Amino acid sequence: MTVVEDRPAADEMLVARRAMIDSQLRVSGVNSPAILNAFNAVPREDFVPAERRAVAYIDRAVPLGDGRSLSPALTYGQMLEAAQTGREDSVLVISPNGYLAALAAQLADSVTRAESLASAQGGPYSLILIDGAAEVLPDSLAGLLAEDGRIVTGIADRGVTRLAMARKALGKVVATPLAEADFAVLAEFAAPKTWSF
């Protein structure tokens, strides 16, 4: 029996990946050659369920099931541009899937992925990438981050999500919103509920 490779499907995915780079990333200000090369090297379709492969390269979040999603490529591109990741960075990626970590591994020599903040260990890291939006950044992040280290994440405020950069100074982490971006809000980083009339 001869096994025929599914070449047309692979070729279609390669064409879709190149189209994503040209029509979603480059036109939106993600132009770093290293970052574009990372997107070209990492097949996005490998990080979605088989039934979602055909939509892996659309310009919005791809549902993964169990309330999780793969953020749009542009969101990850904006994160990596803001992070200015270098080979010398020690990177922690907090993400329920491996796509953002795989992209970061193209840019830095030391990348660790944790499914959640609760499972994150090690450090101190010079860079933490959080795959989603936080209403609050827990104090426990400071313990994982090197002094003057940075966090790139989404910040959620009254239903609007923004790309944000945070830095650790004097043991505290302070975030600065940069621009609106498409992030899923992470339950683990939700603000404590308050009672009001």
C-alpha atoms as a PDB file:
ATOM      1  CA  MET A   1       0.000   0.000   0.000  1.00  0.00           C
ATOM      2  CA  THR A   2       1.343   3.416  -0.962  1.00  0.00           C
ATOM      3  CA  VAL A   3       0.789   6.351   1.365  1.00  0.00           C
ATOM      4  CA  VAL A   4       0.243   9.618  -0.477  1.00  0.00           C
ATOM      5  CA  GLU A   5       1.352  12.711   1.394  1.00  0.00           C
ATOM      6  CA  ASP A   6      -1.285  15.398   1.798  1.00  0.00           C
ATOM      7  CA  ARG A   7       0.824  17.905  -0.159  1.00  0.00           C
ATOM      8  CA  PRO A   8      -2.007  20.214  -1.324  1.00  0.00           C
ATOM      9  CA  ALA A   9      -3.131  20.742   2.278  1.00  0.00           C
ATOM     10  CA  ALA A  10       0.447  21.475   3.389  1.00  0.00           C
ATOM     11  CA  ASP A  11       0.939  23.852   0.461  1.00  0.00           C
ATOM     12  CA  GLU A  12      -2.345  25.615   1.296  1.00  0.00           C
ATOM     13  CA  MET A  13      -1.214  26.108   4.898  1.00  0.00           C
ATOM     14  CA  LEU A  14       2.105  27.565   3.724  1.00  0.00           C
ATOM     15  CA  VAL A  15       0.274  29.984   1.403  1.00  0.00           C
ATOM     16  CA  ALA A  16      -2.084  30.932   4.258  1.00  0.00           C
ATOM     17  CA  ARG A  17       0.889  31.519   6.596  1.00  0.00           C
ATOM     18  CA  ARG A  18       2.560  33.826   4.083  1.00  0.00           C
ATOM     19  CA  ALA A  19      -0.730  35.668   3.512  1.00  0.00           C
ATOM     20  CA  MET A  20      -1.100  36.125   7.284  1.00  0.00           C
ATOM     21  CA  ILE A  21       2.373  37.667   7.452  1.00  0.00           C
ATOM     22  CA  ASP A  22       1.782  39.993   4.497  1.00  0.00           C
ATOM     23  CA  SER A  23      -1.847  41.008   5.053  1.00  0.00           C
ATOM     24  CA  GLN A  24      -2.220  40.884   8.851  1.00  0.00           C
ATOM     25  CA  LEU A  25       1.204  41.568  10.358  1.00  0.00           C
ATOM     26  CA  ARG A  26       3.214  43.760   7.969  1.00  0.00           C
ATOM     27  CA  VAL A  27       0.328  46.149   7.234  1.00  0.00           C
ATOM     28  CA  SER A  28      -0.309  46.614  10.966  1.00  0.00           C
ATOM     29  CA  GLY A  29       3.208  47.614  11.983  1.00  0.00           C
ATOM     30  CA  VAL A  30       4.741  44.223  12.812  1.00  0.00           C
ATOM     31  CA  ASN A  31       7.811  44.523  10.628  1.00  0.00           C
ATOM     32  CA  SER A  32      10.752  43.152  12.612  1.00  0.00           C
ATOM     33  CA  PRO A  33      12.483  40.624  10.327  1.00  0.00           C
ATOM     34  CA  ALA A  34      13.176  38.314  13.293  1.00  0.00           C
ATOM     35  CA  ILE A  35       9.523  38.325  14.362  1.00  0.00           C
ATOM     36  CA  LEU A  36       8.249  37.796  10.817  1.00  0.00           C
ATOM     37  CA  ASN A  37      10.719  34.917  10.418  1.00  0.00           C
ATOM     38  CA  ALA A  38       9.380  33.409  13.662  1.00  0.00           C
ATOM     39  CA  PHE A  39       5.811  33.516  12.315  1.00  0.00           C
ATOM     40  CA  ASN A  40       7.011  31.952   9.072  1.00  0.00           C
ATOM     41  CA  ALA A  41       8.852  29.157  10.916  1.00  0.00           C
ATOM     42  CA  VAL A  42       6.046  28.140  13.304  1.00  0.00           C
ATOM     43  CA  PRO A  43       3.012  26.452  11.702  1.00  0.00           C
ATOM     44  CA  ARG A  44      -0.014  27.998  13.460  1.00  0.00           C
ATOM     45  CA  GLU A  45      -2.213  25.122  12.307  1.00  0.00           C
ATOM     46  CA  ASP A  46      -0.255  22.760  14.593  1.00  0.00           C
ATOM     47  CA  PHE A  47      -1.717  24.547  17.639  1.00  0.00           C
ATOM     48  CA  VAL A  48      -5.419  24.210  16.861  1.00  0.00           C
ATOM     49  CA  PRO A  49      -7.675  21.130  16.834  1.00  0.00           C
ATOM     50  CA  ALA A  50      -7.735  19.235  13.530  1.00  0.00           C
ATOM     51  CA  GLU A  51     -11.254  20.471  12.753  1.00  0.00           C
ATOM     52  CA  ARG A  52     -10.038  24.106  13.067  1.00  0.00           C
ATOM     53  CA  ARG A  53      -6.946  23.847  10.841  1.00  0.00           C
ATOM     54  CA  ALA A  54      -8.768  25.425   7.904  1.00  0.00           C
ATOM     55  CA  VAL A  55      -9.337  28.619   9.935  1.00  0.00           C
ATOM     56  CA  ALA A  56      -5.985  28.725  11.750  1.00  0.00           C
ATOM     57  CA  TYR A  57      -4.882  31.807   9.801  1.00  0.00           C
ATOM     58  CA  ILE A  58      -8.011  33.971  10.027  1.00  0.00           C
ATOM     59  CA  ASP A  59      -7.492  37.434  11.513  1.00  0.00           C
ATOM     60  CA  ARG A  60      -9.354  36.757  14.752  1.00  0.00           C
ATOM     61  CA  ALA A  61      -9.199  34.369  17.693  1.00  0.00           C
ATOM     62  CA  VAL A  62      -9.631  30.669  16.944  1.00  0.00           C
ATOM     63  CA  PRO A  63     -11.719  28.756  19.524  1.00  0.00           C
ATOM     64  CA  LEU A  64      -9.849  25.770  20.953  1.00  0.00           C
ATOM     65  CA  GLY A  65     -12.590  24.373  23.193  1.00  0.00           C
ATOM     66  CA  ASP A  66     -13.038  24.464  26.968  1.00  0.00           C
ATOM     67  CA  GLY A  67     -13.424  28.262  26.794  1.00  0.00           C
ATOM     68  CA  ARG A  68      -9.872  28.705  25.479  1.00  0.00           C
ATOM     69  CA  SER A  69      -8.816  30.365  22.247  1.00  0.00           C
ATOM     70  CA  LEU A  70      -5.750  31.046  20.128  1.00  0.00           C
ATOM     71  CA  SER A  71      -5.349  34.819  19.892  1.00  0.00           C
ATOM     72  CA  PRO A  72      -5.083  36.485  16.476  1.00  0.00           C
ATOM     73  CA  ALA A  73      -1.594  36.483  14.975  1.00  0.00           C
ATOM     74  CA  LEU A  74      -1.586  40.289  15.111  1.00  0.00           C
ATOM     75  CA  THR A  75      -2.030  40.193  18.899  1.00  0.00           C
ATOM     76  CA  TYR A  76       1.030  37.950  19.237  1.00  0.00           C
ATOM     77  CA  GLY A  77       2.970  40.083  16.763  1.00  0.00           C
ATOM     78  CA  GLN A  78       2.199  43.244  18.744  1.00  0.00           C
ATOM     79  CA  MET A  79       3.256  41.499  21.945  1.00  0.00           C
ATOM     80  CA  LEU A  80       6.574  40.390  20.486  1.00  0.00           C
ATOM     81  CA  GLU A  81       7.261  43.828  18.969  1.00  0.00           C
ATOM     82  CA  ALA A  82       6.607  45.484  22.361  1.00  0.00           C
ATOM     83  CA  ALA A  83       8.741  42.891  24.188  1.00  0.00           C
ATOM     84  CA  GLN A  84      11.796  43.452  21.975  1.00  0.00           C
ATOM     85  CA  THR A  85      12.880  39.930  22.793  1.00  0.00           C
ATOM     86  CA  GLY A  86      16.584  39.194  22.466  1.00  0.00           C
ATOM     87  CA  ARG A  87      18.563  35.949  22.440  1.00  0.00           C
ATOM     88  CA  GLU A  88      19.834  36.733  25.968  1.00  0.00           C
ATOM     89  CA  ASP A  89      16.321  36.978  27.445  1.00  0.00           C
ATOM     90  CA  SER A  90      15.084  34.372  29.869  1.00  0.00           C
ATOM     91  CA  VAL A  91      11.404  34.159  28.922  1.00  0.00           C
ATOM     92  CA  LEU A  92       8.391  32.746  30.749  1.00  0.00           C
ATOM     93  CA  VAL A  93       5.278  32.310  28.608  1.00  0.00           C
ATOM     94  CA  ILE A  94       2.039  31.833  30.537  1.00  0.00           C
ATOM     95  CA  SER A  95      -0.273  30.231  28.002  1.00  0.00           C
ATOM     96  CA  PRO A  96      -2.653  27.276  27.785  1.00  0.00           C
ATOM     97  CA  ASN A  97      -1.308  26.450  24.310  1.00  0.00           C
ATOM     98  CA  GLY A  98       2.215  26.397  22.928  1.00  0.00           C
ATOM     99  CA  TYR A  99       2.002  28.775  19.968  1.00  0.00           C
ATOM    100  CA  LEU A 100       3.233  31.953  21.682  1.00  0.00           C
ATOM    101  CA  ALA A 101       6.019  29.974  23.390  1.00  0.00           C
ATOM    102  CA  ALA A 102       7.056  28.474  20.041  1.00  0.00           C
ATOM    103  CA  LEU A 103       7.237  31.977  18.532  1.00  0.00           C
ATOM    104  CA  ALA A 104       9.257  33.255  21.509  1.00  0.00           C
ATOM    105  CA  ALA A 105      11.644  30.291  21.191  1.00  0.00           C
ATOM    106  CA  GLN A 106      12.558  31.559  17.722  1.00  0.00           C
ATOM    107  CA  LEU A 107      13.715  34.826  19.330  1.00  0.00           C
ATOM    108  CA  ALA A 108      15.250  33.850  22.691  1.00  0.00           C
ATOM    109  CA  ASP A 109      17.503  30.972  23.745  1.00  0.00           C
ATOM    110  CA  SER A 110      15.722  30.328  27.060  1.00  0.00           C
ATOM    111  CA  VAL A 111      11.920  29.934  26.958  1.00  0.00           C
ATOM    112  CA  THR A 112       9.767  28.228  29.600  1.00  0.00           C
ATOM    113  CA  ARG A 113       6.023  27.720  29.234  1.00  0.00           C
ATOM    114  CA  ALA A 114       3.527  27.389  32.058  1.00  0.00           C
ATOM    115  CA  GLU A 115      -0.148  26.571  31.499  1.00  0.00           C
ATOM    116  CA  SER A 116      -1.117  29.060  34.212  1.00  0.00           C
ATOM    117  CA  LEU A 117       0.388  31.456  36.726  1.00  0.00           C
ATOM    118  CA  ALA A 118      -0.268  28.890  39.457  1.00  0.00           C
ATOM    119  CA  SER A 119       1.974  26.368  37.673  1.00  0.00           C
ATOM    120  CA  ALA A 120       4.779  28.847  36.860  1.00  0.00           C
ATOM    121  CA  GLN A 121       8.115  28.115  38.499  1.00  0.00           C
ATOM    122  CA  GLY A 122      11.730  29.159  38.263  1.00  0.00           C
ATOM    123  CA  GLY A 123      13.069  32.534  37.421  1.00  0.00           C
ATOM    124  CA  PRO A 124      13.858  35.208  37.783  1.00  0.00           C
ATOM    125  CA  TYR A 125      12.861  35.845  34.182  1.00  0.00           C
ATOM    126  CA  SER A 126      13.806  38.943  32.236  1.00  0.00           C
ATOM    127  CA  LEU A 127      10.553  38.713  30.241  1.00  0.00           C
ATOM    128  CA  ILE A 128       7.117  37.278  30.970  1.00  0.00           C
ATOM    129  CA  LEU A 129       4.560  36.983  28.167  1.00  0.00           C
ATOM    130  CA  ILE A 130       0.976  36.428  29.329  1.00  0.00           C
ATOM    131  CA  ASP A 131      -1.292  35.020  26.638  1.00  0.00           C
ATOM    132  CA  GLY A 132      -4.454  36.959  27.446  1.00  0.00           C
ATOM    133  CA  ALA A 133      -5.754  40.007  29.278  1.00  0.00           C
ATOM    134  CA  ALA A 134      -5.545  40.609  33.007  1.00  0.00           C
ATOM    135  CA  GLU A 135      -7.832  42.819  35.058  1.00  0.00           C
ATOM    136  CA  VAL A 136      -5.129  42.816  37.744  1.00  0.00           C
ATOM    137  CA  LEU A 137      -1.505  41.692  37.781  1.00  0.00           C
ATOM    138  CA  PRO A 138      -1.021  39.592  40.944  1.00  0.00           C
ATOM    139  CA  ASP A 139       1.855  40.422  43.280  1.00  0.00           C
ATOM    140  CA  SER A 140       3.182  36.879  42.726  1.00  0.00           C
ATOM    141  CA  LEU A 141       4.377  37.947  39.253  1.00  0.00           C
ATOM    142  CA  ALA A 142       7.013  40.159  40.858  1.00  0.00           C
ATOM    143  CA  GLY A 143       8.617  37.083  42.431  1.00  0.00           C
ATOM    144  CA  LEU A 144       9.089  35.498  38.986  1.00  0.00           C
ATOM    145  CA  LEU A 145      10.496  38.631  37.357  1.00  0.00           C
ATOM    146  CA  ALA A 146      14.055  39.960  37.507  1.00  0.00           C
ATOM    147  CA  GLU A 147      14.542  43.544  38.663  1.00  0.00           C
ATOM    148  CA  ASP A 148      13.863  45.810  35.667  1.00  0.00           C
ATOM    149  CA  GLY A 149      12.331  42.779  33.953  1.00  0.00           C
ATOM    150  CA  ARG A 150       9.281  43.279  31.790  1.00  0.00           C
ATOM    151  CA  ILE A 151       5.866  41.740  31.323  1.00  0.00           C
ATOM    152  CA  VAL A 152       3.916  42.002  28.085  1.00  0.00           C
ATOM    153  CA  THR A 153       0.243  41.166  28.363  1.00  0.00           C
ATOM    154  CA  GLY A 154      -3.218  42.444  27.758  1.00  0.00           C
ATOM    155  CA  ILE A 155      -4.941  44.642  30.320  1.00  0.00           C
ATOM    156  CA  ALA A 156      -8.736  44.519  30.572  1.00  0.00           C
ATOM    157  CA  ASP A 157     -10.563  47.602  31.777  1.00  0.00           C
ATOM    158  CA  ARG A 158     -14.354  47.948  31.555  1.00  0.00           C
ATOM    159  CA  GLY A 159     -14.635  45.538  28.650  1.00  0.00           C
ATOM    160  CA  VAL A 160     -11.777  47.040  26.601  1.00  0.00           C
ATOM    161  CA  THR A 161      -8.531  45.115  26.217  1.00  0.00           C
ATOM    162  CA  ARG A 162      -5.228  46.832  25.564  1.00  0.00           C
ATOM    163  CA  LEU A 163      -1.695  45.676  24.979  1.00  0.00           C
ATOM    164  CA  ALA A 164       0.384  46.653  28.004  1.00  0.00           C
ATOM    165  CA  MET A 165       4.002  46.638  29.108  1.00  0.00           C
ATOM    166  CA  ALA A 166       4.860  46.292  32.778  1.00  0.00           C
ATOM    167  CA  ARG A 167       8.251  46.698  34.429  1.00  0.00           C
ATOM    168  CA  LYS A 168       9.510  45.620  37.808  1.00  0.00           C
ATOM    169  CA  ALA A 169      11.056  48.392  39.866  1.00  0.00           C
ATOM    170  CA  LEU A 170      11.747  48.304  43.609  1.00  0.00           C
ATOM    171  CA  GLY A 171       9.984  44.956  43.848  1.00  0.00           C
ATOM    172  CA  LYS A 172       6.692  46.189  42.339  1.00  0.00           C
ATOM    173  CA  VAL A 173       5.197  45.633  38.892  1.00  0.00           C
ATOM    174  CA  VAL A 174       3.532  48.613  37.226  1.00  0.00           C
ATOM    175  CA  ALA A 175       1.754  48.305  33.854  1.00  0.00           C
ATOM    176  CA  THR A 176       1.423  50.937  31.140  1.00  0.00           C
ATOM    177  CA  PRO A 177      -1.265  50.437  28.452  1.00  0.00           C
ATOM    178  CA  LEU A 178       0.118  50.816  24.917  1.00  0.00           C
ATOM    179  CA  ALA A 179      -2.701  50.286  22.406  1.00  0.00           C
ATOM    180  CA  GLU A 180      -6.009  48.511  21.964  1.00  0.00           C
ATOM    181  CA  ALA A 181      -5.570  44.840  21.101  1.00  0.00           C
ATOM    182  CA  ASP A 182      -7.670  41.706  20.791  1.00  0.00           C
ATOM    183  CA  PHE A 183      -7.129  39.589  23.919  1.00  0.00           C
ATOM    184  CA  ALA A 184      -9.290  37.039  25.679  1.00  0.00           C
ATOM    185  CA  VAL A 185      -9.760  37.979  29.347  1.00  0.00           C
ATOM    186  CA  LEU A 186      -8.159  35.411  31.649  1.00  0.00           C
ATOM    187  CA  ALA A 187     -10.221  34.270  34.644  1.00  0.00           C
ATOM    188  CA  GLU A 188      -7.051  33.660  36.661  1.00  0.00           C
ATOM    189  CA  PHE A 189      -6.198  37.381  36.427  1.00  0.00           C
ATOM    190  CA  ALA A 190      -9.697  38.666  37.260  1.00  0.00           C
ATOM    191  CA  ALA A 191     -10.150  41.547  39.686  1.00  0.00           C
ATOM    192  CA  PRO A 192     -11.628  40.594  43.047  1.00  0.00           C
ATOM    193  CA  LYS A 193     -15.400  41.003  43.088  1.00  0.00           C
ATOM    194  CA  THR A 194     -16.635  44.005  45.038  1.00  0.00           C
ATOM    195  CA  TRP A 195     -20.084  44.631  46.349  1.00  0.00           C
ATOM    196  CA  SER A 196     -21.956  47.776  45.357  1.00  0.00           C
ATOM    197  CA  PHE A 197     -25.498  49.166  45.413  1.00  0.00           C
END
